[in-house]
Amino acid sequence: EHGKFKQTDADVASFDGGYGSAYLARQVGQKFAREIFFLGREYSADQMHAMGAVNEVVPHADLEKVALQWAREINSKSPTAQRMLKFSFNLIDDGLVGQQVFAGEATRLAYGTDEAEEGRASFVEKRPPDWSPYPWSY
């Protein structure tokens, strides 16, 4: 509730070279992003919440409790699914490097499946693989 937000680029003869301003525009929309960067005003937590830049505004006294609650809730989910979701969300900003990280992680996961084990075993045993236990899903 006490958080203050301000973008000072134009006040100090600086500017964002594209990433931060474009990212903010995706979060809050072009109009709000331009207002934030062009005017350099200070915004309250409630204002930023209304724009969509923050998820929740909590009383300062509850901040750590709420943050730990979010962390416990996140950590109660599948670690692999959470990791892959993070890679997926970051893909658009990480370019080819992000795509390579995502692909590498997906490949690592795929190699650990029973289906991959059957593929490796059939190759080593010089026999056709039996894919029947693994249904096609499109």
N, C-alpha and C. Protein backbone atom coordinates (compact mmCIF):
# COMPACT_ATOMS: atom_id res chain seq x y z
N GLU A 1 0.81 -1.20 0.00
CA GLU A 1 0.00 0.00 0.00
C GLU A 1 0.85 1.26 0.00
N HIS A 2 2.12 1.15 0.45
CA HIS A 2 3.00 2.32 0.50
C HIS A 2 3.88 2.44 -0.73
N GLY A 3 3.79 1.49 -1.65
CA GLY A 3 4.66 1.49 -2.83
C GLY A 3 4.44 2.72 -3.69
N LYS A 4 5.53 3.27 -4.19
CA LYS A 4 5.48 4.41 -5.11
C LYS A 4 6.22 4.01 -6.38
N PHE A 5 5.70 4.41 -7.52
CA PHE A 5 6.26 4.04 -8.81
C PHE A 5 6.48 5.31 -9.63
N LYS A 6 7.65 5.39 -10.27
CA LYS A 6 7.96 6.58 -11.06
C LYS A 6 8.98 6.20 -12.12
N GLN A 7 8.78 6.71 -13.32
CA GLN A 7 9.73 6.51 -14.41
C GLN A 7 10.36 7.86 -14.71
N THR A 8 11.66 7.98 -14.49
CA THR A 8 12.31 9.30 -14.54
C THR A 8 13.09 9.57 -15.82
N ASP A 9 13.00 8.70 -16.81
CA ASP A 9 13.84 8.83 -18.01
C ASP A 9 13.87 10.25 -18.57
N ALA A 10 12.71 10.78 -18.95
CA ALA A 10 12.67 12.08 -19.61
C ALA A 10 13.09 13.22 -18.68
N ASP A 11 13.00 13.00 -17.37
CA ASP A 11 13.42 14.02 -16.40
C ASP A 11 14.93 14.19 -16.36
N VAL A 12 15.66 13.14 -16.71
CA VAL A 12 17.12 13.16 -16.57
C VAL A 12 17.82 12.97 -17.91
N ALA A 13 17.12 13.31 -19.00
CA ALA A 13 17.68 13.21 -20.36
C ALA A 13 18.14 11.79 -20.69
N SER A 14 17.35 10.82 -20.25
CA SER A 14 17.62 9.42 -20.54
C SER A 14 16.39 8.84 -21.22
N PHE A 15 16.52 7.64 -21.72
CA PHE A 15 15.36 6.97 -22.30
C PHE A 15 15.61 5.47 -22.32
N ASP A 16 14.52 4.75 -22.31
CA ASP A 16 14.60 3.30 -22.40
C ASP A 16 14.78 2.94 -23.86
N GLY A 17 15.72 2.08 -24.15
CA GLY A 17 16.03 1.73 -25.53
C GLY A 17 15.06 0.75 -26.15
N GLY A 18 13.97 0.45 -25.51
CA GLY A 18 12.97 -0.40 -26.14
C GLY A 18 12.41 -1.50 -25.28
N TYR A 19 13.26 -2.18 -24.51
CA TYR A 19 12.76 -3.35 -23.79
C TYR A 19 11.78 -2.96 -22.69
N GLY A 20 12.20 -2.11 -21.77
CA GLY A 20 11.35 -1.76 -20.63
C GLY A 20 10.07 -1.06 -21.05
N SER A 21 10.17 -0.13 -21.98
CA SER A 21 8.98 0.59 -22.41
C SER A 21 8.02 -0.34 -23.15
N ALA A 22 8.55 -1.19 -24.00
CA ALA A 22 7.69 -2.14 -24.73
C ALA A 22 7.06 -3.15 -23.77
N TYR A 23 7.84 -3.60 -22.79
CA TYR A 23 7.32 -4.56 -21.81
C TYR A 23 6.21 -3.91 -20.98
N LEU A 24 6.44 -2.68 -20.53
CA LEU A 24 5.41 -1.99 -19.76
C LEU A 24 4.15 -1.78 -20.60
N ALA A 25 4.32 -1.43 -21.87
CA ALA A 25 3.16 -1.24 -22.75
C ALA A 25 2.34 -2.52 -22.87
N ARG A 26 3.01 -3.67 -22.88
CA ARG A 26 2.28 -4.94 -22.92
C ARG A 26 1.53 -5.19 -21.62
N GLN A 27 2.08 -4.72 -20.51
CA GLN A 27 1.43 -4.92 -19.22
C GLN A 27 0.25 -3.99 -19.00
N VAL A 28 0.44 -2.72 -19.31
CA VAL A 28 -0.58 -1.73 -18.95
C VAL A 28 -1.26 -1.08 -20.14
N GLY A 29 -0.80 -1.39 -21.35
CA GLY A 29 -1.36 -0.77 -22.55
C GLY A 29 -0.53 0.44 -22.97
N GLN A 30 -0.63 0.77 -24.26
CA GLN A 30 0.16 1.87 -24.83
C GLN A 30 -0.12 3.22 -24.15
N LYS A 31 -1.39 3.51 -23.90
CA LYS A 31 -1.73 4.83 -23.36
C LYS A 31 -1.13 5.04 -21.98
N PHE A 32 -1.30 4.06 -21.09
CA PHE A 32 -0.73 4.21 -19.75
C PHE A 32 0.80 4.20 -19.80
N ALA A 33 1.38 3.35 -20.62
CA ALA A 33 2.85 3.30 -20.71
C ALA A 33 3.41 4.64 -21.18
N ARG A 34 2.77 5.23 -22.17
CA ARG A 34 3.23 6.53 -22.66
C ARG A 34 3.06 7.60 -21.59
N GLU A 35 1.95 7.56 -20.88
CA GLU A 35 1.74 8.51 -19.78
C GLU A 35 2.85 8.37 -18.74
N ILE A 36 3.14 7.14 -18.35
CA ILE A 36 4.16 6.89 -17.33
C ILE A 36 5.52 7.40 -17.77
N PHE A 37 5.91 7.10 -19.01
CA PHE A 37 7.23 7.51 -19.49
C PHE A 37 7.29 9.00 -19.85
N PHE A 38 6.27 9.53 -20.53
CA PHE A 38 6.32 10.92 -21.00
C PHE A 38 6.15 11.93 -19.87
N LEU A 39 5.27 11.63 -18.91
CA LEU A 39 4.98 12.61 -17.86
C LEU A 39 5.89 12.45 -16.64
N GLY A 40 6.37 11.25 -16.39
CA GLY A 40 7.26 11.03 -15.25
C GLY A 40 6.61 11.29 -13.90
N ARG A 41 5.32 11.08 -13.82
CA ARG A 41 4.62 11.29 -12.55
C ARG A 41 4.87 10.13 -11.59
N GLU A 42 4.58 10.40 -10.32
CA GLU A 42 4.65 9.34 -9.31
C GLU A 42 3.26 8.72 -9.18
N TYR A 43 3.23 7.40 -9.11
CA TYR A 43 1.97 6.67 -9.02
C TYR A 43 1.93 5.85 -7.75
N SER A 44 0.76 5.75 -7.17
CA SER A 44 0.57 4.94 -5.96
C SER A 44 0.39 3.48 -6.34
N ALA A 45 0.47 2.63 -5.34
CA ALA A 45 0.24 1.20 -5.57
C ALA A 45 -1.17 0.97 -6.11
N ASP A 46 -2.14 1.69 -5.59
CA ASP A 46 -3.52 1.53 -6.07
C ASP A 46 -3.65 1.94 -7.54
N GLN A 47 -2.98 3.02 -7.93
CA GLN A 47 -3.03 3.44 -9.33
C GLN A 47 -2.38 2.40 -10.24
N MET A 48 -1.25 1.87 -9.82
CA MET A 48 -0.57 0.86 -10.63
C MET A 48 -1.38 -0.43 -10.69
N HIS A 49 -2.08 -0.74 -9.62
CA HIS A 49 -2.95 -1.92 -9.62
C HIS A 49 -4.09 -1.71 -10.62
N ALA A 50 -4.66 -0.53 -10.62
CA ALA A 50 -5.75 -0.23 -11.56
C ALA A 50 -5.28 -0.32 -13.01
N MET A 51 -4.01 0.02 -13.26
CA MET A 51 -3.45 -0.07 -14.61
C MET A 51 -3.08 -1.50 -14.99
N GLY A 52 -2.95 -2.36 -14.01
CA GLY A 52 -2.57 -3.74 -14.29
C GLY A 52 -1.08 -4.02 -14.13
N ALA A 53 -0.34 -3.09 -13.54
CA ALA A 53 1.10 -3.27 -13.38
C ALA A 53 1.46 -4.09 -12.15
N VAL A 54 0.58 -4.14 -11.16
CA VAL A 54 0.81 -4.97 -9.97
C VAL A 54 -0.40 -5.87 -9.76
N ASN A 55 -0.16 -7.03 -9.17
CA ASN A 55 -1.22 -8.01 -8.99
C ASN A 55 -2.14 -7.71 -7.81
N GLU A 56 -1.56 -7.24 -6.72
CA GLU A 56 -2.35 -7.05 -5.50
C GLU A 56 -1.71 -5.95 -4.67
N VAL A 57 -2.55 -5.15 -4.03
CA VAL A 57 -2.09 -4.14 -3.09
C VAL A 57 -2.49 -4.63 -1.70
N VAL A 58 -1.52 -4.71 -0.81
CA VAL A 58 -1.79 -5.21 0.54
C VAL A 58 -1.30 -4.19 1.57
N PRO A 59 -1.90 -4.20 2.75
CA PRO A 59 -1.39 -3.33 3.81
C PRO A 59 0.08 -3.65 4.09
N HIS A 60 0.86 -2.61 4.35
CA HIS A 60 2.30 -2.79 4.55
C HIS A 60 2.58 -3.82 5.64
N ALA A 61 1.80 -3.81 6.70
CA ALA A 61 2.01 -4.74 7.80
C ALA A 61 1.83 -6.19 7.37
N ASP A 62 1.07 -6.43 6.31
CA ASP A 62 0.79 -7.80 5.84
C ASP A 62 1.66 -8.21 4.66
N LEU A 63 2.54 -7.34 4.21
CA LEU A 63 3.29 -7.58 2.98
C LEU A 63 4.07 -8.89 3.02
N GLU A 64 4.86 -9.10 4.06
CA GLU A 64 5.66 -10.33 4.14
C GLU A 64 4.77 -11.56 4.24
N LYS A 65 3.70 -11.47 5.02
CA LYS A 65 2.78 -12.59 5.18
C LYS A 65 2.16 -12.98 3.84
N VAL A 66 1.71 -11.98 3.08
CA VAL A 66 1.09 -12.24 1.78
C VAL A 66 2.12 -12.79 0.79
N ALA A 67 3.32 -12.22 0.80
CA ALA A 67 4.37 -12.71 -0.11
C ALA A 67 4.70 -14.17 0.19
N LEU A 68 4.81 -14.51 1.47
CA LEU A 68 5.10 -15.90 1.84
C LEU A 68 3.93 -16.82 1.50
N GLN A 69 2.70 -16.32 1.62
CA GLN A 69 1.53 -17.11 1.23
C GLN A 69 1.58 -17.42 -0.27
N TRP A 70 1.89 -16.41 -1.08
CA TRP A 70 2.01 -16.62 -2.53
C TRP A 70 3.12 -17.63 -2.80
N ALA A 71 4.25 -17.50 -2.11
CA ALA A 71 5.37 -18.42 -2.33
C ALA A 71 4.97 -19.85 -1.96
N ARG A 72 4.28 -20.02 -0.84
CA ARG A 72 3.83 -21.37 -0.44
C ARG A 72 2.87 -21.95 -1.48
N GLU A 73 1.96 -21.12 -1.97
CA GLU A 73 1.00 -21.58 -2.96
C GLU A 73 1.70 -21.98 -4.26
N ILE A 74 2.63 -21.15 -4.70
CA ILE A 74 3.40 -21.47 -5.92
C ILE A 74 4.19 -22.76 -5.71
N ASN A 75 4.84 -22.87 -4.54
CA ASN A 75 5.67 -24.04 -4.27
C ASN A 75 4.88 -25.31 -4.01
N SER A 76 3.56 -25.20 -3.87
CA SER A 76 2.74 -26.40 -3.68
C SER A 76 2.37 -27.05 -5.02
N LYS A 77 2.72 -26.39 -6.10
CA LYS A 77 2.41 -26.89 -7.45
C LYS A 77 3.58 -27.71 -7.99
N SER A 78 3.36 -28.35 -9.10
CA SER A 78 4.40 -29.15 -9.74
C SER A 78 5.61 -28.29 -10.09
N PRO A 79 6.80 -28.63 -9.55
CA PRO A 79 7.99 -27.84 -9.87
C PRO A 79 8.31 -27.85 -11.37
N THR A 80 8.13 -28.98 -12.02
CA THR A 80 8.42 -29.06 -13.45
C THR A 80 7.45 -28.19 -14.24
N ALA A 81 6.17 -28.27 -13.91
CA ALA A 81 5.18 -27.44 -14.61
C ALA A 81 5.47 -25.96 -14.38
N GLN A 82 5.80 -25.59 -13.16
CA GLN A 82 6.11 -24.18 -12.87
C GLN A 82 7.33 -23.72 -13.66
N ARG A 83 8.37 -24.57 -13.72
CA ARG A 83 9.58 -24.22 -14.46
C ARG A 83 9.26 -24.03 -15.94
N MET A 84 8.48 -24.95 -16.51
CA MET A 84 8.15 -24.85 -17.93
C MET A 84 7.25 -23.65 -18.21
N LEU A 85 6.33 -23.35 -17.29
CA LEU A 85 5.50 -22.16 -17.45
C LEU A 85 6.36 -20.89 -17.45
N LYS A 86 7.34 -20.84 -16.55
CA LYS A 86 8.23 -19.68 -16.50
C LYS A 86 8.98 -19.53 -17.82
N PHE A 87 9.53 -20.63 -18.32
CA PHE A 87 10.22 -20.58 -19.62
C PHE A 87 9.26 -20.10 -20.71
N SER A 88 8.02 -20.60 -20.69
CA SER A 88 7.04 -20.24 -21.71
C SER A 88 6.71 -18.75 -21.66
N PHE A 89 6.47 -18.23 -20.45
CA PHE A 89 6.16 -16.81 -20.31
C PHE A 89 7.33 -15.94 -20.78
N ASN A 90 8.55 -16.39 -20.51
CA ASN A 90 9.73 -15.59 -20.85
C ASN A 90 10.13 -15.71 -22.32
N LEU A 91 9.59 -16.70 -23.03
CA LEU A 91 10.00 -16.94 -24.41
C LEU A 91 9.91 -15.71 -25.30
N ILE A 92 8.83 -14.98 -25.20
CA ILE A 92 8.61 -13.84 -26.09
C ILE A 92 9.68 -12.76 -25.90
N ASP A 93 10.22 -12.65 -24.69
CA ASP A 93 11.22 -11.62 -24.42
C ASP A 93 12.65 -12.13 -24.56
N ASP A 94 12.84 -13.42 -24.44
CA ASP A 94 14.20 -13.98 -24.42
C ASP A 94 14.73 -14.33 -25.80
N GLY A 95 13.92 -14.20 -26.84
CA GLY A 95 14.37 -14.47 -28.20
C GLY A 95 14.88 -15.88 -28.38
N LEU A 96 15.89 -16.03 -29.24
CA LEU A 96 16.41 -17.36 -29.55
C LEU A 96 17.04 -18.03 -28.35
N VAL A 97 17.68 -17.27 -27.49
CA VAL A 97 18.28 -17.87 -26.30
C VAL A 97 17.19 -18.49 -25.44
N GLY A 98 16.09 -17.77 -25.24
CA GLY A 98 14.98 -18.31 -24.47
C GLY A 98 14.38 -19.53 -25.13
N GLN A 99 14.29 -19.50 -26.45
CA GLN A 99 13.77 -20.65 -27.18
C GLN A 99 14.69 -21.85 -27.01
N GLN A 100 15.99 -21.62 -27.04
CA GLN A 100 16.93 -22.72 -26.85
C GLN A 100 16.84 -23.30 -25.44
N VAL A 101 16.70 -22.44 -24.45
CA VAL A 101 16.57 -22.91 -23.07
C VAL A 101 15.30 -23.73 -22.93
N PHE A 102 14.20 -23.20 -23.48
CA PHE A 102 12.92 -23.92 -23.42
C PHE A 102 13.03 -25.27 -24.13
N ALA A 103 13.60 -25.28 -25.33
CA ALA A 103 13.73 -26.52 -26.09
C ALA A 103 14.61 -27.52 -25.36
N GLY A 104 15.70 -27.05 -24.78
CA GLY A 104 16.58 -27.94 -24.03
C GLY A 104 15.88 -28.55 -22.84
N GLU A 105 15.12 -27.75 -22.14
CA GLU A 105 14.39 -28.25 -20.96
C GLU A 105 13.29 -29.22 -21.39
N ALA A 106 12.58 -28.91 -22.47
CA ALA A 106 11.54 -29.81 -22.97
C ALA A 106 12.15 -31.13 -23.43
N THR A 107 13.30 -31.06 -24.08
CA THR A 107 13.98 -32.28 -24.53
C THR A 107 14.41 -33.12 -23.34
N ARG A 108 14.96 -32.46 -22.32
CA ARG A 108 15.36 -33.18 -21.11
C ARG A 108 14.18 -33.91 -20.49
N LEU A 109 13.04 -33.23 -20.44
CA LEU A 109 11.83 -33.86 -19.89
C LEU A 109 11.39 -35.03 -20.75
N ALA A 110 11.40 -34.84 -22.06
CA ALA A 110 10.96 -35.90 -22.98
C ALA A 110 11.86 -37.12 -22.87
N TYR A 111 13.17 -36.91 -22.72
CA TYR A 111 14.11 -38.03 -22.63
C TYR A 111 13.89 -38.86 -21.38
N GLY A 112 13.23 -38.31 -20.38
CA GLY A 112 12.98 -39.04 -19.14
C GLY A 112 11.70 -39.84 -19.14
N THR A 113 10.97 -39.88 -20.24
CA THR A 113 9.69 -40.59 -20.27
C THR A 113 9.86 -42.06 -20.60
N ASP A 114 8.85 -42.85 -20.29
CA ASP A 114 8.83 -44.27 -20.65
C ASP A 114 8.90 -44.43 -22.17
N GLU A 115 8.26 -43.53 -22.87
CA GLU A 115 8.27 -43.58 -24.34
C GLU A 115 9.69 -43.44 -24.87
N ALA A 116 10.45 -42.51 -24.31
CA ALA A 116 11.84 -42.34 -24.74
C ALA A 116 12.67 -43.56 -24.39
N GLU A 117 12.40 -44.14 -23.23
CA GLU A 117 13.12 -45.36 -22.83
C GLU A 117 12.86 -46.48 -23.83
N GLU A 118 11.62 -46.61 -24.27
CA GLU A 118 11.29 -47.63 -25.28
C GLU A 118 12.05 -47.36 -26.57
N GLY A 119 12.12 -46.11 -26.98
CA GLY A 119 12.86 -45.77 -28.19
C GLY A 119 14.32 -46.13 -28.09
N ARG A 120 14.95 -45.80 -26.97
CA ARG A 120 16.37 -46.14 -26.78
C ARG A 120 16.58 -47.64 -26.72
N ALA A 121 15.71 -48.32 -25.96
CA ALA A 121 15.85 -49.78 -25.81
C ALA A 121 15.67 -50.49 -27.15
N SER A 122 14.70 -50.06 -27.94
CA SER A 122 14.47 -50.72 -29.23
C SER A 122 15.67 -50.52 -30.15
N PHE A 123 16.29 -49.36 -30.08
CA PHE A 123 17.47 -49.09 -30.91
C PHE A 123 18.62 -50.01 -30.49
N VAL A 124 18.88 -50.07 -29.20
CA VAL A 124 19.98 -50.90 -28.69
C VAL A 124 19.73 -52.38 -28.98
N GLU A 125 18.46 -52.79 -28.84
CA GLU A 125 18.09 -54.20 -29.05
C GLU A 125 17.84 -54.51 -30.52
N LYS A 126 18.00 -53.53 -31.39
CA LYS A 126 17.83 -53.70 -32.84
C LYS A 126 16.47 -54.31 -33.19
N ARG A 127 15.42 -53.73 -32.62
CA ARG A 127 14.06 -54.18 -32.89
C ARG A 127 13.18 -52.96 -33.13
N PRO A 128 12.05 -53.17 -33.79
CA PRO A 128 11.14 -52.03 -33.98
C PRO A 128 10.57 -51.58 -32.62
N PRO A 129 10.42 -50.30 -32.42
CA PRO A 129 9.84 -49.83 -31.16
C PRO A 129 8.36 -50.17 -31.08
N ASP A 130 7.88 -50.40 -29.86
CA ASP A 130 6.45 -50.64 -29.61
C ASP A 130 5.86 -49.36 -29.02
N TRP A 131 5.23 -48.58 -29.88
CA TRP A 131 4.66 -47.32 -29.42
C TRP A 131 3.21 -47.48 -28.94
N SER A 132 2.67 -48.67 -28.95
CA SER A 132 1.25 -48.87 -28.64
C SER A 132 0.83 -48.36 -27.25
N PRO A 133 1.69 -48.41 -26.23
CA PRO A 133 1.24 -47.89 -24.93
C PRO A 133 1.17 -46.36 -24.88
N TYR A 134 1.64 -45.70 -25.93
CA TYR A 134 1.74 -44.24 -25.90
C TYR A 134 0.82 -43.64 -26.96
N PRO A 135 -0.37 -43.24 -26.56
CA PRO A 135 -1.35 -42.76 -27.54
C PRO A 135 -0.91 -41.45 -28.19
N TRP A 136 -1.34 -41.30 -29.43
CA TRP A 136 -1.11 -40.04 -30.14
C TRP A 136 -2.04 -38.99 -29.56
N SER A 137 -1.54 -37.83 -29.31
CA SER A 137 -2.42 -36.74 -28.89
C SER A 137 -2.04 -35.50 -29.68
N TYR A 138 -3.01 -34.90 -30.28
CA TYR A 138 -2.76 -33.75 -31.15
C TYR A 138 -3.40 -32.53 -30.55
